[in-house]
Amino acid sequence: MQQLHIYRDHDFDIKFTGKLISKISSKNAEISLFLSDKNYYITQRKDADKCEAHICKSIDEIIHFLGYDKLSKALYANADIKYWIEA
């Protein structure tokens, strides 16, 4: 675990002790998922014009924040997060 500092536009930054779980990049965006030593997930999305981050207590909160776009689904797959419904 290491000390991490997550920058956010228009909000307080997030500082915590934790580790990177997954990071996915495309030409225009980057999404990262961290786990803190207090068992919170920290998600960060960087686009060309903004940088957002959110502290999540559950997988459902991660998905609610990041959504279901192609890049998010790639992050979920890389982090072993189920993002589909079985019928």
Foldseek 3Di string as FASTA:
>chain_A
DAWDWADFPPDDIDIAAWDWQFWFDDPFKIKTWIAGPVGWIKIWIDGPVGIHIDIHNDPVVVCVVPDDDPRSVVRCVSNVHDDDDDD
